[in-house]
Amino acid sequence: MTEICHIYLQINVKDQVLIVQVKNEGSYFEDNLMEKLRQKQNASRGFGIGLLNIDQRIKLLFSDEYGLSLRNEDGFAVATITLPFQKEGAEDVKITDC
């Protein structure tokens, strides 16, 4: 992409779940991309194996309720990673509202 684009990173903790969201302006995820990659219905274009690997590793470590999801929203490609969050041991984590 040669035009200016914006990438936004948002991190929230809600109900002991860490939600990391990356929004990329001007990009687009194919509908049901993760499912198509799982079913080998879509040939990877250099990024599919990594996306599946991230999702599978999170699910193996924490359970199927966590992982990676992809969607399109208001002109943005949105990737969301959900992980369990425990406040214990997080004394050094600073949460700020920017």
C-alpha atoms as a PDB file:
ATOM      1  CA  MET A   1       0.000   0.000   0.000  1.00  0.00           C
ATOM      2  CA  THR A   2       1.480   3.347  -1.008  1.00  0.00           C
ATOM      3  CA  GLU A   3      -1.196   5.528   0.580  1.00  0.00           C
ATOM      4  CA  ILE A   4      -1.250   6.636   4.203  1.00  0.00           C
ATOM      5  CA  CYS A   5      -3.022   4.130   6.410  1.00  0.00           C
ATOM      6  CA  HIS A   6      -3.656   3.979  10.121  1.00  0.00           C
ATOM      7  CA  ILE A   7      -3.225   1.022  12.435  1.00  0.00           C
ATOM      8  CA  TYR A   8      -4.889   1.162  15.833  1.00  0.00           C
ATOM      9  CA  LEU A   9      -4.051  -1.023  18.816  1.00  0.00           C
ATOM     10  CA  GLN A  10      -6.566  -1.381  21.628  1.00  0.00           C
ATOM     11  CA  ILE A  11      -6.035  -3.485  24.747  1.00  0.00           C
ATOM     12  CA  ASN A  12      -8.778  -4.085  27.304  1.00  0.00           C
ATOM     13  CA  VAL A  13      -9.389  -6.362  30.248  1.00  0.00           C
ATOM     14  CA  LYS A  14     -12.989  -7.402  30.794  1.00  0.00           C
ATOM     15  CA  ASP A  15     -14.240 -10.182  33.072  1.00  0.00           C
ATOM     16  CA  GLN A  16     -10.695 -11.571  33.469  1.00  0.00           C
ATOM     17  CA  VAL A  17     -10.188 -11.731  29.696  1.00  0.00           C
ATOM     18  CA  LEU A  18      -7.413  -9.780  27.977  1.00  0.00           C
ATOM     19  CA  ILE A  19      -8.607  -8.493  24.607  1.00  0.00           C
ATOM     20  CA  VAL A  20      -5.990  -7.266  22.138  1.00  0.00           C
ATOM     21  CA  GLN A  21      -7.428  -5.682  19.016  1.00  0.00           C
ATOM     22  CA  VAL A  22      -5.495  -4.474  15.964  1.00  0.00           C
ATOM     23  CA  LYS A  23      -7.419  -2.425  13.400  1.00  0.00           C
ATOM     24  CA  ASN A  24      -5.806  -1.853  10.007  1.00  0.00           C
ATOM     25  CA  GLU A  25      -7.334   0.853   7.831  1.00  0.00           C
ATOM     26  CA  GLY A  26      -7.727   0.015   4.162  1.00  0.00           C
ATOM     27  CA  SER A  27      -7.212  -3.736   4.555  1.00  0.00           C
ATOM     28  CA  TYR A  28      -9.835  -6.430   4.256  1.00  0.00           C
ATOM     29  CA  PHE A  29     -10.150 -10.002   5.531  1.00  0.00           C
ATOM     30  CA  GLU A  30     -11.919 -12.461   3.293  1.00  0.00           C
ATOM     31  CA  ASP A  31     -15.235 -13.575   4.818  1.00  0.00           C
ATOM     32  CA  ASN A  32     -14.805 -16.619   7.098  1.00  0.00           C
ATOM     33  CA  LEU A  33     -11.056 -16.629   6.426  1.00  0.00           C
ATOM     34  CA  MET A  34     -10.084 -18.569   9.563  1.00  0.00           C
ATOM     35  CA  GLU A  35     -12.636 -21.301   8.874  1.00  0.00           C
ATOM     36  CA  LYS A  36     -11.569 -21.545   5.231  1.00  0.00           C
ATOM     37  CA  LEU A  37      -7.939 -21.883   6.315  1.00  0.00           C
ATOM     38  CA  ARG A  38      -8.873 -24.589   8.858  1.00  0.00           C
ATOM     39  CA  GLN A  39     -10.762 -26.517   6.178  1.00  0.00           C
ATOM     40  CA  LYS A  40      -7.951 -25.946   3.648  1.00  0.00           C
ATOM     41  CA  GLN A  41     -10.489 -24.291   1.356  1.00  0.00           C
ATOM     42  CA  ASN A  42      -8.313 -21.248   0.883  1.00  0.00           C
ATOM     43  CA  ALA A  43      -4.725 -21.388  -0.309  1.00  0.00           C
ATOM     44  CA  SER A  44      -2.490 -19.425   2.000  1.00  0.00           C
ATOM     45  CA  ARG A  45      -0.946 -16.309   0.497  1.00  0.00           C
ATOM     46  CA  GLY A  46       1.938 -16.237   2.898  1.00  0.00           C
ATOM     47  CA  PHE A  47      -0.050 -15.444   6.056  1.00  0.00           C
ATOM     48  CA  GLY A  48      -2.596 -18.215   6.583  1.00  0.00           C
ATOM     49  CA  ILE A  49      -0.325 -20.729   8.297  1.00  0.00           C
ATOM     50  CA  GLY A  50       0.790 -18.123  10.839  1.00  0.00           C
ATOM     51  CA  LEU A  51      -2.788 -17.100  11.623  1.00  0.00           C
ATOM     52  CA  LEU A  52      -3.826 -20.694  12.197  1.00  0.00           C
ATOM     53  CA  ASN A  53      -0.715 -21.346  14.282  1.00  0.00           C
ATOM     54  CA  ILE A  54      -1.441 -18.380  16.583  1.00  0.00           C
ATOM     55  CA  ASP A  55      -5.048 -19.478  17.088  1.00  0.00           C
ATOM     56  CA  GLN A  56      -4.174 -23.139  17.683  1.00  0.00           C
ATOM     57  CA  ARG A  57      -1.401 -22.357  20.180  1.00  0.00           C
ATOM     58  CA  ILE A  58      -3.651 -20.064  22.215  1.00  0.00           C
ATOM     59  CA  LYS A  59      -6.406 -22.713  22.261  1.00  0.00           C
ATOM     60  CA  LEU A  60      -3.932 -25.440  23.275  1.00  0.00           C
ATOM     61  CA  LEU A  61      -2.512 -23.326  26.101  1.00  0.00           C
ATOM     62  CA  PHE A  62      -5.734 -21.885  27.497  1.00  0.00           C
ATOM     63  CA  SER A  63      -8.856 -23.574  25.964  1.00  0.00           C
ATOM     64  CA  ASP A  64     -11.160 -23.158  22.996  1.00  0.00           C
ATOM     65  CA  GLU A  65     -12.840 -20.067  24.448  1.00  0.00           C
ATOM     66  CA  TYR A  66      -9.676 -18.047  23.684  1.00  0.00           C
ATOM     67  CA  GLY A  67      -7.851 -17.444  20.442  1.00  0.00           C
ATOM     68  CA  LEU A  68      -7.674 -15.304  17.323  1.00  0.00           C
ATOM     69  CA  SER A  69     -10.625 -13.956  15.369  1.00  0.00           C
ATOM     70  CA  LEU A  70     -10.734 -11.863  12.196  1.00  0.00           C
ATOM     71  CA  ARG A  71     -13.445  -9.563  10.898  1.00  0.00           C
ATOM     72  CA  ASN A  72     -14.046  -6.392   8.887  1.00  0.00           C
ATOM     73  CA  GLU A  73     -15.567  -3.329  10.508  1.00  0.00           C
ATOM     74  CA  ASP A  74     -16.130   0.171   9.093  1.00  0.00           C
ATOM     75  CA  GLY A  75     -13.303   0.015   6.538  1.00  0.00           C
ATOM     76  CA  PHE A  76     -10.873  -1.731   8.896  1.00  0.00           C
ATOM     77  CA  ALA A  77      -9.554  -5.273   8.995  1.00  0.00           C
ATOM     78  CA  VAL A  78      -9.800  -6.194  12.688  1.00  0.00           C
ATOM     79  CA  ALA A  79      -7.757  -8.965  14.320  1.00  0.00           C
ATOM     80  CA  THR A  80      -8.683  -9.799  17.915  1.00  0.00           C
ATOM     81  CA  ILE A  81      -6.737 -12.011  20.303  1.00  0.00           C
ATOM     82  CA  THR A  82      -8.393 -13.083  23.553  1.00  0.00           C
ATOM     83  CA  LEU A  83      -6.402 -14.510  26.458  1.00  0.00           C
ATOM     84  CA  PRO A  84      -7.135 -15.205  30.114  1.00  0.00           C
ATOM     85  CA  PHE A  85      -5.968 -12.405  32.415  1.00  0.00           C
ATOM     86  CA  GLN A  86      -4.954 -12.729  36.042  1.00  0.00           C
ATOM     87  CA  LYS A  87      -4.145  -9.607  37.985  1.00  0.00           C
ATOM     88  CA  GLU A  88      -1.801 -11.605  40.253  1.00  0.00           C
ATOM     89  CA  GLY A  89       1.784 -10.956  39.216  1.00  0.00           C
ATOM     90  CA  ALA A  90       0.776  -7.933  37.141  1.00  0.00           C
ATOM     91  CA  GLU A  91       2.029  -5.288  39.575  1.00  0.00           C
ATOM     92  CA  ASP A  92       4.307  -3.830  36.908  1.00  0.00           C
ATOM     93  CA  VAL A  93       1.514  -3.480  34.351  1.00  0.00           C
ATOM     94  CA  LYS A  94       0.347   0.100  33.953  1.00  0.00           C
ATOM     95  CA  ILE A  95      -3.090   0.636  32.489  1.00  0.00           C
ATOM     96  CA  THR A  96      -3.651   4.047  30.947  1.00  0.00           C
ATOM     97  CA  ASP A  97      -6.475   5.489  28.923  1.00  0.00           C
ATOM     98  CA  CYS A  98      -4.999   7.173  25.851  1.00  0.00           C
END
